[in-house]
Amino acid sequence: MEIVEGIYKVDEASANMAHSNVYLLIEGDELIVIDTGTAGNAKKIVDYVQKMGRQPSNVSTIILTHCHMDHAGSVKELKGLTGAKVAVHEEEADCVSGKKPLPRPKNVLFRAVSSFIKLEPVEPDIILKDNDKIGELTVIHTPGHTPGSIALLDERKKALFAGDTLRFDGEKLSGSSEQFTLDMKKAKESIGKISVLSFDVMLCGHGEPLKPNASETVKKYYGTLKQ
């Protein structure tokens, strides 16, 4: 599904995990994949790329908004199928490479699933920091949900990829779920950081696109958190 010109959403659903979103961003002859979904999702992404008339080798970069397995579960397989470089925030690079364990969520079911489903480690190629540029995207460090959570702002397309910092279900805007979030105070501060940005459409890790005037909606929502 093309959301705005040059940005596509590949839906990913699993019996074991909540529905999560995978995005494809066209940058000239190259494609950027933002998040990969759960394990076993890489072939679906590649099939979608080919339906767009592109080749797997056109995928130049895979950016992870954070390293939870419903977003990073297919990163190793997708890198193997495409040869793309993997980009992740510096706070979570060691989690993706397997040098340290993933942040442990509070949710009991998530913990139980995590004990059986492990993220296949892959060495990141690009280490991201706040305000870095990757292609035409600006990295916004949004800690809270996880220590290295990021959002990505495309100023040309006036689009923000919010990861799990915010969620829109088609009717209601909310922050990340407390049971899956490591630090709610930081998560709310990260929403404040996003609220001062300008964008027309917001693309979340779960749920539906928020448009138009998405940044105004986020600003109003953040105002309710401060009351």
Protein backbone atom coordinates (compact mmCIF):
# COMPACT_ATOMS: atom_id res chain seq x y z
CA MET A 1 0.00 0.00 0.00
CA GLU A 2 1.44 3.37 -1.03
CA ILE A 3 0.77 5.84 1.78
CA VAL A 4 2.32 8.92 0.22
CA GLU A 5 4.39 9.10 -2.93
CA GLY A 6 7.46 6.91 -2.48
CA ILE A 7 6.47 5.41 0.89
CA TYR A 8 4.85 1.98 1.10
CA LYS A 9 3.60 -0.14 4.00
CA VAL A 10 4.03 -3.92 4.02
CA ASP A 11 1.65 -5.38 6.58
CA GLU A 12 3.06 -8.16 8.75
CA ALA A 13 1.03 -10.32 11.11
CA SER A 14 2.04 -13.28 13.22
CA ALA A 15 0.14 -15.70 15.40
CA ASN A 16 2.71 -15.16 18.16
CA MET A 17 3.12 -11.39 18.15
CA ALA A 18 1.01 -8.28 17.76
CA HIS A 19 0.57 -6.88 14.27
CA SER A 20 3.56 -4.75 13.26
CA ASN A 21 4.36 -2.58 10.25
CA VAL A 22 7.21 -2.68 7.76
CA TYR A 23 7.84 0.35 5.56
CA LEU A 24 9.61 0.76 2.23
CA LEU A 25 10.99 4.14 1.23
CA ILE A 26 12.09 4.85 -2.33
CA GLU A 27 15.23 6.99 -2.67
CA GLY A 28 16.12 7.15 -6.35
CA ASP A 29 17.20 3.70 -7.51
CA GLU A 30 17.53 2.48 -3.94
CA LEU A 31 15.06 1.26 -1.33
CA ILE A 32 15.22 1.70 2.43
CA VAL A 33 13.40 -0.79 4.64
CA ILE A 34 12.27 0.53 8.02
CA ASP A 35 11.82 -2.39 10.45
CA THR A 36 11.52 -6.01 9.32
CA GLY A 37 8.73 -7.58 11.36
CA THR A 38 9.03 -10.90 13.15
CA ALA A 39 11.24 -13.81 12.10
CA GLY A 40 10.20 -15.39 8.80
CA ASN A 41 8.98 -12.14 7.27
CA ALA A 42 11.97 -11.41 4.98
CA LYS A 43 10.64 -13.33 1.95
CA LYS A 44 7.37 -11.40 2.12
CA ILE A 45 9.29 -8.12 2.02
CA VAL A 46 11.38 -9.29 -0.93
CA ASP A 47 8.23 -10.43 -2.77
CA TYR A 48 6.73 -6.98 -2.24
CA VAL A 49 9.90 -5.34 -3.56
CA GLN A 50 9.70 -7.47 -6.70
CA LYS A 51 6.02 -6.64 -7.20
CA MET A 52 7.11 -2.99 -7.23
CA GLY A 53 9.33 -3.85 -10.20
CA ARG A 54 12.53 -3.67 -8.15
CA GLN A 55 15.16 -6.25 -7.29
CA PRO A 56 16.26 -7.38 -3.82
CA SER A 57 19.65 -5.78 -4.52
CA ASN A 58 17.89 -2.40 -4.74
CA VAL A 59 17.38 -2.56 -0.97
CA SER A 60 20.41 -0.59 0.21
CA THR A 61 19.64 -0.08 3.90
CA ILE A 62 17.58 -1.67 6.67
CA ILE A 63 16.89 0.75 9.53
CA LEU A 64 15.61 -0.61 12.84
CA THR A 65 13.54 1.76 14.97
CA HIS A 66 14.38 -0.52 17.93
CA CYS A 67 15.47 -4.09 18.55
CA HIS A 68 12.30 -5.78 19.82
CA MET A 69 11.81 -9.02 17.92
CA ASP A 70 8.51 -7.93 16.33
CA HIS A 71 10.48 -5.19 14.55
CA ALA A 72 13.94 -6.73 14.11
CA GLY A 73 13.10 -10.44 13.91
CA SER A 74 13.84 -10.77 10.17
CA VAL A 75 16.84 -8.45 9.97
CA LYS A 76 19.47 -11.15 9.51
CA GLU A 77 17.49 -13.03 6.86
CA LEU A 78 16.60 -9.84 4.98
CA LYS A 79 20.23 -8.70 5.01
CA GLY A 80 21.19 -12.08 3.57
CA LEU A 81 18.61 -11.85 0.78
CA THR A 82 19.39 -8.27 -0.20
CA GLY A 83 22.96 -7.46 0.86
CA ALA A 84 21.63 -4.31 2.53
CA LYS A 85 23.45 -2.48 5.31
CA VAL A 86 21.84 -2.60 8.75
CA ALA A 87 21.47 0.65 10.70
CA VAL A 88 20.57 0.91 14.39
CA HIS A 89 20.99 3.43 17.20
CA GLU A 90 24.21 3.16 19.17
CA GLU A 91 22.32 2.22 22.36
CA GLU A 92 21.09 -1.01 20.78
CA ALA A 93 23.89 -1.98 18.41
CA ASP A 94 25.24 -4.55 20.88
CA CYS A 95 21.77 -6.07 21.26
CA VAL A 96 21.45 -6.55 17.50
CA SER A 97 24.95 -8.03 17.27
CA GLY A 98 24.24 -10.40 20.15
CA LYS A 99 26.94 -8.95 22.41
CA LYS A 100 24.40 -8.16 25.12
CA PRO A 101 20.80 -9.29 25.78
CA LEU A 102 17.78 -7.45 24.51
CA PRO A 103 16.04 -5.10 26.95
CA ARG A 104 13.58 -7.16 29.01
CA PRO A 105 9.95 -6.01 28.73
CA LYS A 106 7.60 -5.99 31.70
CA ASN A 107 4.88 -8.01 29.97
CA VAL A 108 4.87 -11.63 31.21
CA LEU A 109 3.65 -13.06 27.89
CA PHE A 110 6.30 -11.11 25.98
CA ARG A 111 8.96 -12.46 28.34
CA ALA A 112 7.71 -16.00 27.84
CA VAL A 113 7.73 -15.67 24.05
CA SER A 114 11.18 -14.03 24.21
CA SER A 115 12.58 -17.11 25.93
CA PHE A 116 11.61 -19.25 22.93
CA ILE A 117 12.05 -16.81 20.05
CA LYS A 118 15.53 -15.31 19.90
CA LEU A 119 16.70 -12.49 17.66
CA GLU A 120 19.26 -13.90 15.24
CA PRO A 121 22.27 -11.64 15.74
CA VAL A 122 23.73 -9.60 12.91
CA GLU A 123 26.56 -7.08 13.06
CA PRO A 124 25.22 -3.56 12.36
CA ASP A 125 26.92 -1.71 9.50
CA ILE A 126 25.77 1.79 10.46
CA ILE A 127 25.65 3.12 14.03
CA LEU A 128 23.17 5.95 14.43
CA LYS A 129 23.08 8.90 16.82
CA ASP A 130 20.58 11.67 17.44
CA ASN A 131 20.30 14.12 14.50
CA ASP A 132 22.30 11.88 12.15
CA LYS A 133 21.26 11.84 8.49
CA ILE A 134 20.75 8.52 6.74
CA GLY A 135 19.74 9.10 3.15
CA GLU A 136 17.16 11.88 3.35
CA LEU A 137 16.05 10.82 6.83
CA THR A 138 16.95 12.60 10.07
CA VAL A 139 17.38 10.38 13.12
CA ILE A 140 15.44 11.42 16.23
CA HIS A 141 16.53 9.51 19.36
CA THR A 142 13.34 8.67 21.28
CA PRO A 143 14.34 6.56 24.31
CA GLY A 144 11.78 5.11 26.68
CA HIS A 145 10.14 2.20 24.92
CA THR A 146 13.68 0.87 24.59
CA PRO A 147 16.98 2.72 25.27
CA GLY A 148 17.83 3.07 21.58
CA SER A 149 14.40 3.69 20.09
CA ILE A 150 14.42 6.15 17.20
CA ALA A 151 12.01 8.04 14.99
CA LEU A 152 12.92 9.06 11.45
CA LEU A 153 11.87 12.37 9.87
CA ASP A 154 11.62 12.79 6.09
CA GLU A 155 11.35 16.55 5.64
CA ARG A 156 10.83 16.26 1.86
CA LYS A 157 7.76 14.09 2.21
CA LYS A 158 6.73 15.62 5.56
CA ALA A 159 6.56 12.11 7.01
CA LEU A 160 7.63 10.81 10.41
CA PHE A 161 8.34 7.13 11.13
CA ALA A 162 7.57 6.92 14.84
CA GLY A 163 8.49 3.32 15.71
CA ASP A 164 6.71 2.31 18.93
CA THR A 165 6.92 5.72 20.63
CA LEU A 166 3.42 6.53 19.34
CA ARG A 167 0.53 4.47 18.02
CA PHE A 168 -2.59 5.38 16.04
CA ASP A 169 -5.37 2.77 15.79
CA GLY A 170 -7.37 4.65 13.18
CA GLU A 171 -9.30 6.67 15.76
CA LYS A 172 -7.17 7.25 18.85
CA LEU A 173 -3.57 8.37 19.28
CA SER A 174 -1.64 6.88 22.21
CA GLY A 175 1.88 6.42 23.49
CA SER A 176 3.71 3.13 23.79
CA SER A 177 2.10 0.53 26.02
CA GLU A 178 3.40 0.65 29.59
CA GLN A 179 3.69 -3.14 29.80
CA PHE A 180 6.12 -3.19 26.85
CA THR A 181 8.00 0.02 27.76
CA LEU A 182 11.14 0.14 29.89
CA ASP A 183 10.95 3.79 31.03
CA MET A 184 7.61 5.59 30.79
CA LYS A 185 9.04 8.93 31.93
CA LYS A 186 11.54 8.95 29.07
CA ALA A 187 8.87 7.70 26.67
CA LYS A 188 6.70 10.74 27.47
CA GLU A 189 9.71 13.05 27.09
CA SER A 190 10.33 11.51 23.66
CA ILE A 191 6.74 12.28 22.65
CA GLY A 192 7.47 15.87 23.65
CA LYS A 193 10.53 15.82 21.42
CA ILE A 194 8.41 14.63 18.48
CA SER A 195 5.67 17.18 19.22
CA VAL A 196 7.85 20.12 18.16
CA LEU A 197 8.57 18.66 14.72
CA SER A 198 6.61 19.42 11.55
CA PHE A 199 5.10 16.56 9.52
CA ASP A 200 1.84 15.82 7.71
CA VAL A 201 1.79 12.04 8.07
CA MET A 202 2.97 9.82 10.93
CA LEU A 203 3.75 6.15 10.35
CA CYS A 204 3.83 4.03 13.50
CA GLY A 205 5.25 0.62 14.22
CA HIS A 206 1.71 -0.60 14.97
CA GLY A 207 -1.63 0.67 13.74
CA GLU A 208 -2.62 2.97 10.91
CA PRO A 209 -1.10 6.06 9.27
CA LEU A 210 -2.05 9.32 10.97
CA LYS A 211 -2.81 12.08 8.44
CA PRO A 212 -3.26 14.88 7.59
CA ASN A 213 -1.78 17.46 9.98
CA ALA A 214 -0.27 14.67 12.07
CA SER A 215 2.14 16.91 13.95
CA GLU A 216 -0.73 19.06 15.24
CA THR A 217 -2.48 15.95 16.54
CA VAL A 218 0.70 14.83 18.30
CA LYS A 219 1.16 18.28 19.81
CA LYS A 220 -2.38 18.22 21.23
CA TYR A 221 -1.89 14.69 22.56
CA TYR A 222 1.36 15.67 24.29
CA GLY A 223 -0.51 18.54 25.91
CA THR A 224 -2.85 16.04 27.59
CA LEU A 225 0.15 14.15 29.01
CA LYS A 226 1.39 17.28 30.78
CA GLN A 227 -1.93 17.94 32.55
